[in-house]
Structures are given as C-alpha cells and as structure tokens.
Amino acid sequence: MPVASPLTLPVSPRSPLAATSSPSPFSPNLPGSAALPRASASGRRASTDFDRMPPPPAHLNRNAEWVSTAGGWAFILCLIALGWLASAALLGDPGKAWTVIHLAHGALTFYLFHWMKGSPVSADQGKYDGLTFWEQLDDGVQNTATRKFLIFLPALTFALASHGSDYSAQPLGLNLVVLAVLLVAKLPTMHTVRLFGINKW
C-alpha cells in the first residue's frame, strides 16, 4: 500500500487553508500589481501607450533650440543682471548702467541673432548656412513664446535706461535707434529679407 509523503498535504477547496492562501504577486486583481499587456486573440501583444507615442523629431537644431528652454531664458536674464551689476559698480551710477546694458545688449544681439549666419554644429552639415540665428529659431515659426521673450528684452532695457537716469544725461536718441533696429529686425515680415542685399552672401 503506497504511503503518502509527509511533505504533501492535500488541501480541499473548502479547507480554510485554501481560503487564506496568498494570491500570485502577478495577479491583476492584486492592488499595486503591475498590469502586464495581454495577448490578443490573434496572438499579438495588445498595444500600449508606448506604442502610440509620437516618434522623436528627425532633426534637432542644436544651435538654436537651447534658447527655447527655461534654462536658456534664465541664462540670458542672468547675463543681463550680471552685466548691470558690473556696470553699476564701475560707473557708480545704476541709472547710467542700464544705458550701457541697453547699448551693449543691442550691439551683441544684433550681431549674434541678425548678422551671423550658419551653425557651428557639424551635424547640421551646412543646412543653416544661409539663415541667421533668429531665422533658425523655432524652425522659423513666428510669434512663439521665445520670440516674444527676445522682443520684450530690448524694450525692457530701453525702459530701464530711460527711467533710470535724467533724460539729459543719457543718449536718448541712440537708445531709440538701437531699439528700433532690433524690433524691425525681429518682425515676421523681415524673415529671410536682406535689405539692399546687405549680408546676402
């Protein structure tokens, strides 16, 4: 007569041991358990959110895209603030320091944004050789948040320079000219336009 193993205990479906047995950790009814994708009737795995995610962009303009980030905005604002602190310390006049910042900001941004063309990134392979930094920004899309931010900056520095010191103690006409040139260069109608052929080649 065969003898049952002492390690094997038959459990009846109505036994209390069967009712208190722990469920599988992969059971979908267990709170907090990971839901695994189930196979469909055809044998293929059911689609998930990862399958419906849009593909990454085919090309990213690394030369200009950094300006469209929050870190890029903060970097520009920090440069302006540090420049004003240095100018105020050297001149001893916080109001005139804003005039220096407005003129310096206008000269630098006009050269970097509206005069220099191309991209120093070798991966671009000459794709942007005929476009300025401003024309590359946001892939040429107009009226974006980044473009509005960069338009607001020269207007802000002009206002601070105008109200920071006496009008007779600052080059108000020069400040207006710098502001006008920067604003006109950033107009959507000036996109890829070269007035009188200047900077065309």
C-alpha atoms as a PDB file:
ATOM      1  CA  MET A   1       0.000   0.000   0.000  1.00  0.00           C
ATOM      2  CA  PRO A   2       1.585   3.326  -1.033  1.00  0.00           C
ATOM      3  CA  VAL A   3       2.320   5.781   1.711  1.00  0.00           C
ATOM      4  CA  ALA A   4       1.707   9.499   1.170  1.00  0.00           C
ATOM      5  CA  SER A   5       4.712  11.789   1.506  1.00  0.00           C
ATOM      6  CA  PRO A   6       4.783  13.626   4.836  1.00  0.00           C
ATOM      7  CA  LEU A   7       5.516  16.906   2.983  1.00  0.00           C
ATOM      8  CA  THR A   8       2.417  16.721   0.784  1.00  0.00           C
ATOM      9  CA  LEU A   9      -0.800  17.794   2.428  1.00  0.00           C
ATOM     10  CA  PRO A  10      -3.922  17.582   0.311  1.00  0.00           C
ATOM     11  CA  VAL A  11      -5.986  20.726   0.614  1.00  0.00           C
ATOM     12  CA  SER A  12      -9.686  20.633  -0.063  1.00  0.00           C
ATOM     13  CA  PRO A  13     -11.273  23.589  -1.890  1.00  0.00           C
ATOM     14  CA  ARG A  14     -13.416  24.143   1.196  1.00  0.00           C
ATOM     15  CA  SER A  15     -10.476  23.972   3.559  1.00  0.00           C
ATOM     16  CA  PRO A  16      -9.532  27.171   5.498  1.00  0.00           C
ATOM     17  CA  LEU A  17      -6.024  26.804   4.105  1.00  0.00           C
ATOM     18  CA  ALA A  18      -7.312  27.253   0.553  1.00  0.00           C
ATOM     19  CA  ALA A  19      -9.204  30.418   1.517  1.00  0.00           C
ATOM     20  CA  THR A  20      -6.190  32.012   3.166  1.00  0.00           C
ATOM     21  CA  SER A  21      -3.605  31.053   0.553  1.00  0.00           C
ATOM     22  CA  SER A  22      -1.752  34.138  -0.773  1.00  0.00           C
ATOM     23  CA  PRO A  23      -2.535  35.160  -4.343  1.00  0.00           C
ATOM     24  CA  SER A  24       0.107  35.337  -7.020  1.00  0.00           C
ATOM     25  CA  PRO A  25       2.098  38.586  -6.997  1.00  0.00           C
ATOM     26  CA  PHE A  26       1.340  38.934 -10.710  1.00  0.00           C
ATOM     27  CA  SER A  27      -2.407  38.690 -10.215  1.00  0.00           C
ATOM     28  CA  PRO A  28      -4.168  41.610 -11.935  1.00  0.00           C
ATOM     29  CA  ASN A  29      -6.625  41.843  -9.062  1.00  0.00           C
ATOM     30  CA  LEU A  30      -3.888  42.490  -6.514  1.00  0.00           C
ATOM     31  CA  PRO A  31      -3.674  46.225  -5.596  1.00  0.00           C
ATOM     32  CA  GLY A  32      -0.409  47.739  -6.777  1.00  0.00           C
ATOM     33  CA  SER A  33       0.462  44.816  -9.041  1.00  0.00           C
ATOM     34  CA  ALA A  34       1.919  45.643 -12.442  1.00  0.00           C
ATOM     35  CA  ALA A  35      -0.544  45.251 -15.263  1.00  0.00           C
ATOM     36  CA  LEU A  36       1.066  43.195 -17.972  1.00  0.00           C
ATOM     37  CA  PRO A  37      -0.090  43.597 -21.580  1.00  0.00           C
ATOM     38  CA  ARG A  38      -2.289  40.682 -22.581  1.00  0.00           C
ATOM     39  CA  ALA A  39      -2.103  38.965 -25.908  1.00  0.00           C
ATOM     40  CA  SER A  40      -4.981  39.466 -28.291  1.00  0.00           C
ATOM     41  CA  ALA A  41      -6.955  36.688 -29.952  1.00  0.00           C
ATOM     42  CA  SER A  42      -4.556  36.760 -32.888  1.00  0.00           C
ATOM     43  CA  GLY A  43      -1.635  36.073 -30.587  1.00  0.00           C
ATOM     44  CA  ARG A  44      -0.146  39.578 -30.832  1.00  0.00           C
ATOM     45  CA  ARG A  45       0.581  41.725 -27.782  1.00  0.00           C
ATOM     46  CA  ALA A  46      -2.001  44.433 -27.171  1.00  0.00           C
ATOM     47  CA  SER A  47      -0.814  47.966 -27.932  1.00  0.00           C
ATOM     48  CA  THR A  48       0.254  50.184 -25.039  1.00  0.00           C
ATOM     49  CA  ASP A  49       0.760  53.931 -24.547  1.00  0.00           C
ATOM     50  CA  PHE A  50       4.406  53.498 -25.550  1.00  0.00           C
ATOM     51  CA  ASP A  51       3.315  52.220 -28.949  1.00  0.00           C
ATOM     52  CA  ARG A  52       1.198  55.332 -29.530  1.00  0.00           C
ATOM     53  CA  MET A  53       3.900  57.862 -28.582  1.00  0.00           C
ATOM     54  CA  PRO A  54       4.951  60.164 -31.467  1.00  0.00           C
ATOM     55  CA  PRO A  55       8.370  59.475 -32.936  1.00  0.00           C
ATOM     56  CA  PRO A  56      11.238  61.811 -31.974  1.00  0.00           C
ATOM     57  CA  PRO A  57      11.972  64.693 -34.359  1.00  0.00           C
ATOM     58  CA  ALA A  58      14.119  63.722 -37.298  1.00  0.00           C
ATOM     59  CA  HIS A  59      16.453  66.665 -36.775  1.00  0.00           C
ATOM     60  CA  LEU A  60      17.007  68.996 -33.845  1.00  0.00           C
ATOM     61  CA  ASN A  61      18.692  72.349 -34.402  1.00  0.00           C
ATOM     62  CA  ARG A  62      21.124  72.275 -31.508  1.00  0.00           C
ATOM     63  CA  ASN A  63      22.430  75.699 -32.455  1.00  0.00           C
ATOM     64  CA  ALA A  64      19.163  77.486 -31.632  1.00  0.00           C
ATOM     65  CA  GLU A  65      16.914  75.148 -29.643  1.00  0.00           C
ATOM     66  CA  TRP A  66      18.610  75.867 -26.318  1.00  0.00           C
ATOM     67  CA  VAL A  67      17.134  79.386 -26.322  1.00  0.00           C
ATOM     68  CA  SER A  68      13.622  77.929 -26.270  1.00  0.00           C
ATOM     69  CA  THR A  69      14.214  76.209 -22.919  1.00  0.00           C
ATOM     70  CA  ALA A  70      13.629  77.656 -19.461  1.00  0.00           C
ATOM     71  CA  GLY A  71      17.342  77.343 -18.801  1.00  0.00           C
ATOM     72  CA  GLY A  72      18.091  79.435 -21.887  1.00  0.00           C
ATOM     73  CA  TRP A  73      15.772  82.215 -20.726  1.00  0.00           C
ATOM     74  CA  ALA A  74      17.317  82.162 -17.247  1.00  0.00           C
ATOM     75  CA  PHE A  75      20.828  82.248 -18.728  1.00  0.00           C
ATOM     76  CA  ILE A  76      20.063  85.393 -20.759  1.00  0.00           C
ATOM     77  CA  LEU A  77      18.444  87.138 -17.796  1.00  0.00           C
ATOM     78  CA  CYS A  78      21.397  86.284 -15.570  1.00  0.00           C
ATOM     79  CA  LEU A  79      23.838  87.728 -18.115  1.00  0.00           C
ATOM     80  CA  ILE A  80      21.881  90.983 -18.220  1.00  0.00           C
ATOM     81  CA  ALA A  81      21.723  91.180 -14.426  1.00  0.00           C
ATOM     82  CA  LEU A  82      25.431  90.439 -14.005  1.00  0.00           C
ATOM     83  CA  GLY A  83      26.310  92.977 -16.693  1.00  0.00           C
ATOM     84  CA  TRP A  84      24.247  95.636 -14.943  1.00  0.00           C
ATOM     85  CA  LEU A  85      25.895  94.896 -11.583  1.00  0.00           C
ATOM     86  CA  ALA A  86      29.361  95.172 -13.126  1.00  0.00           C
ATOM     87  CA  SER A  87      28.477  98.402 -14.970  1.00  0.00           C
ATOM     88  CA  ALA A  88      26.919  99.955 -11.875  1.00  0.00           C
ATOM     89  CA  ALA A  89      30.000  99.109  -9.822  1.00  0.00           C
ATOM     90  CA  LEU A  90      32.329 100.653 -12.409  1.00  0.00           C
ATOM     91  CA  LEU A  91      30.281 103.772 -13.165  1.00  0.00           C
ATOM     92  CA  GLY A  92      28.873 104.330  -9.695  1.00  0.00           C
ATOM     93  CA  ASP A  93      25.501 105.210 -11.288  1.00  0.00           C
ATOM     94  CA  PRO A  94      22.852 102.456 -11.533  1.00  0.00           C
ATOM     95  CA  GLY A  95      20.785 104.531 -13.983  1.00  0.00           C
ATOM     96  CA  LYS A  96      23.593 105.041 -16.483  1.00  0.00           C
ATOM     97  CA  ALA A  97      24.496 101.395 -16.078  1.00  0.00           C
ATOM     98  CA  TRP A  98      21.169 100.490 -17.698  1.00  0.00           C
ATOM     99  CA  THR A  99      22.078 102.672 -20.685  1.00  0.00           C
ATOM    100  CA  VAL A 100      25.337 100.750 -21.052  1.00  0.00           C
ATOM    101  CA  ILE A 101      23.452  97.453 -20.816  1.00  0.00           C
ATOM    102  CA  HIS A 102      20.868  98.560 -23.387  1.00  0.00           C
ATOM    103  CA  LEU A 103      23.526  99.589 -25.917  1.00  0.00           C
ATOM    104  CA  ALA A 104      25.705  96.541 -25.283  1.00  0.00           C
ATOM    105  CA  HIS A 105      22.718  94.193 -25.444  1.00  0.00           C
ATOM    106  CA  GLY A 106      21.610  95.799 -28.703  1.00  0.00           C
ATOM    107  CA  ALA A 107      25.020  95.533 -30.342  1.00  0.00           C
ATOM    108  CA  LEU A 108      25.643  91.930 -29.247  1.00  0.00           C
ATOM    109  CA  THR A 109      22.202  90.558 -30.075  1.00  0.00           C
ATOM    110  CA  PHE A 110      22.111  92.271 -33.458  1.00  0.00           C
ATOM    111  CA  TYR A 111      25.418  90.679 -34.404  1.00  0.00           C
ATOM    112  CA  LEU A 112      24.691  87.249 -32.941  1.00  0.00           C
ATOM    113  CA  PHE A 113      20.989  86.998 -33.858  1.00  0.00           C
ATOM    114  CA  HIS A 114      20.634  89.005 -37.069  1.00  0.00           C
ATOM    115  CA  TRP A 115      24.051  89.124 -38.737  1.00  0.00           C
ATOM    116  CA  MET A 116      25.907  85.842 -38.208  1.00  0.00           C
ATOM    117  CA  LYS A 117      24.626  83.005 -40.366  1.00  0.00           C
ATOM    118  CA  GLY A 118      25.013  79.259 -40.262  1.00  0.00           C
ATOM    119  CA  SER A 119      25.561  76.831 -37.410  1.00  0.00           C
ATOM    120  CA  PRO A 120      28.775  75.739 -35.677  1.00  0.00           C
ATOM    121  CA  VAL A 121      27.303  72.275 -35.118  1.00  0.00           C
ATOM    122  CA  SER A 122      28.951  69.861 -37.539  1.00  0.00           C
ATOM    123  CA  ALA A 123      25.921  67.556 -37.546  1.00  0.00           C
ATOM    124  CA  ASP A 124      23.876  70.239 -39.345  1.00  0.00           C
ATOM    125  CA  GLN A 125      26.080  69.748 -42.438  1.00  0.00           C
ATOM    126  CA  GLY A 126      25.514  73.242 -43.809  1.00  0.00           C
ATOM    127  CA  LYS A 127      21.724  73.075 -43.582  1.00  0.00           C
ATOM    128  CA  TYR A 128      21.517  76.526 -41.983  1.00  0.00           C
ATOM    129  CA  ASP A 129      24.355  78.268 -43.798  1.00  0.00           C
ATOM    130  CA  GLY A 130      22.006  80.834 -45.345  1.00  0.00           C
ATOM    131  CA  LEU A 131      19.993  81.566 -42.184  1.00  0.00           C
ATOM    132  CA  THR A 132      20.731  83.803 -39.233  1.00  0.00           C
ATOM    133  CA  PHE A 133      20.251  82.633 -35.658  1.00  0.00           C
ATOM    134  CA  TRP A 134      16.914  84.474 -35.455  1.00  0.00           C
ATOM    135  CA  GLU A 135      15.705  82.789 -38.649  1.00  0.00           C
ATOM    136  CA  GLN A 136      16.700  79.369 -37.307  1.00  0.00           C
ATOM    137  CA  LEU A 137      14.887  79.925 -34.024  1.00  0.00           C
ATOM    138  CA  ASP A 138      11.856  77.645 -33.541  1.00  0.00           C
ATOM    139  CA  ASP A 139      12.357  76.364 -37.103  1.00  0.00           C
ATOM    140  CA  GLY A 140      11.235  79.713 -38.474  1.00  0.00           C
ATOM    141  CA  VAL A 141       7.824  79.675 -36.747  1.00  0.00           C
ATOM    142  CA  GLN A 142       6.773  83.224 -35.891  1.00  0.00           C
ATOM    143  CA  ASN A 143       5.162  84.672 -32.744  1.00  0.00           C
ATOM    144  CA  THR A 144       6.355  81.893 -30.460  1.00  0.00           C
ATOM    145  CA  ALA A 145       6.897  82.430 -26.742  1.00  0.00           C
ATOM    146  CA  THR A 146      10.666  82.520 -27.194  1.00  0.00           C
ATOM    147  CA  ARG A 147      10.482  85.136 -29.944  1.00  0.00           C
ATOM    148  CA  LYS A 148       8.160  87.308 -27.846  1.00  0.00           C
ATOM    149  CA  PHE A 149      10.556  86.997 -24.907  1.00  0.00           C
ATOM    150  CA  LEU A 150      13.519  88.119 -27.024  1.00  0.00           C
ATOM    151  CA  ILE A 151      11.471  91.025 -28.423  1.00  0.00           C
ATOM    152  CA  PHE A 152      10.498  92.068 -24.906  1.00  0.00           C
ATOM    153  CA  LEU A 153      14.093  92.227 -23.659  1.00  0.00           C
ATOM    154  CA  PRO A 154      15.325  95.264 -25.680  1.00  0.00           C
ATOM    155  CA  ALA A 155      12.100  97.104 -24.868  1.00  0.00           C
ATOM    156  CA  LEU A 156      12.706  96.375 -21.185  1.00  0.00           C
ATOM    157  CA  THR A 157      16.325  97.549 -21.216  1.00  0.00           C
ATOM    158  CA  PHE A 158      15.272 100.700 -23.093  1.00  0.00           C
ATOM    159  CA  ALA A 159      12.614 101.482 -20.483  1.00  0.00           C
ATOM    160  CA  LEU A 160      15.066 100.914 -17.635  1.00  0.00           C
ATOM    161  CA  ALA A 161      17.700 103.067 -19.331  1.00  0.00           C
ATOM    162  CA  SER A 162      15.202 105.868 -19.981  1.00  0.00           C
ATOM    163  CA  HIS A 163      13.773 105.991 -16.461  1.00  0.00           C
ATOM    164  CA  GLY A 164      16.977 105.122 -14.620  1.00  0.00           C
ATOM    165  CA  SER A 165      18.618 108.495 -15.118  1.00  0.00           C
ATOM    166  CA  ASP A 166      17.899 112.042 -16.265  1.00  0.00           C
ATOM    167  CA  TYR A 167      16.948 112.297 -19.936  1.00  0.00           C
ATOM    168  CA  SER A 168      19.562 114.978 -20.458  1.00  0.00           C
ATOM    169  CA  ALA A 169      22.287 112.703 -19.049  1.00  0.00           C
ATOM    170  CA  GLN A 170      21.744 109.837 -21.489  1.00  0.00           C
ATOM    171  CA  PRO A 171      21.879 109.341 -25.285  1.00  0.00           C
ATOM    172  CA  LEU A 172      18.117 109.037 -25.696  1.00  0.00           C
ATOM    173  CA  GLY A 173      18.288 109.278 -29.482  1.00  0.00           C
ATOM    174  CA  LEU A 174      20.858 106.497 -29.697  1.00  0.00           C
ATOM    175  CA  ASN A 175      18.814 104.349 -27.371  1.00  0.00           C
ATOM    176  CA  LEU A 176      15.772 104.809 -29.618  1.00  0.00           C
ATOM    177  CA  VAL A 177      17.741 103.925 -32.740  1.00  0.00           C
ATOM    178  CA  VAL A 178      19.057 100.724 -31.167  1.00  0.00           C
ATOM    179  CA  LEU A 179      15.567  99.743 -30.048  1.00  0.00           C
ATOM    180  CA  ALA A 180      14.045 100.463 -33.462  1.00  0.00           C
ATOM    181  CA  VAL A 181      16.702  98.451 -35.325  1.00  0.00           C
ATOM    182  CA  LEU A 182      16.247  95.443 -33.062  1.00  0.00           C
ATOM    183  CA  LEU A 183      12.457  95.498 -33.267  1.00  0.00           C
ATOM    184  CA  VAL A 184      12.384  95.901 -37.052  1.00  0.00           C
ATOM    185  CA  ALA A 185      14.878  93.056 -37.496  1.00  0.00           C
ATOM    186  CA  LYS A 186      12.591  90.772 -35.461  1.00  0.00           C
ATOM    187  CA  LEU A 187       9.398  91.475 -37.420  1.00  0.00           C
ATOM    188  CA  PRO A 188       7.819  88.428 -39.136  1.00  0.00           C
ATOM    189  CA  THR A 189       7.794  90.356 -42.433  1.00  0.00           C
ATOM    190  CA  MET A 190      11.599  90.635 -42.241  1.00  0.00           C
ATOM    191  CA  HIS A 191      12.111  86.876 -42.120  1.00  0.00           C
ATOM    192  CA  THR A 192      14.933  85.979 -44.570  1.00  0.00           C
ATOM    193  CA  VAL A 193      14.761  89.518 -46.017  1.00  0.00           C
ATOM    194  CA  ARG A 194      18.084  91.180 -46.858  1.00  0.00           C
ATOM    195  CA  LEU A 195      17.605  94.937 -47.245  1.00  0.00           C
ATOM    196  CA  PHE A 196      19.549  96.300 -50.232  1.00  0.00           C
ATOM    197  CA  GLY A 197      21.305  92.934 -50.459  1.00  0.00           C
ATOM    198  CA  ILE A 198      23.205  93.559 -47.218  1.00  0.00           C
ATOM    199  CA  ASN A 199      24.507  90.333 -45.652  1.00  0.00           C
ATOM    200  CA  LYS A 200      23.018  88.322 -48.505  1.00  0.00           C
ATOM    201  CA  TRP A 201      26.114  86.218 -49.077  1.00  0.00           C
END
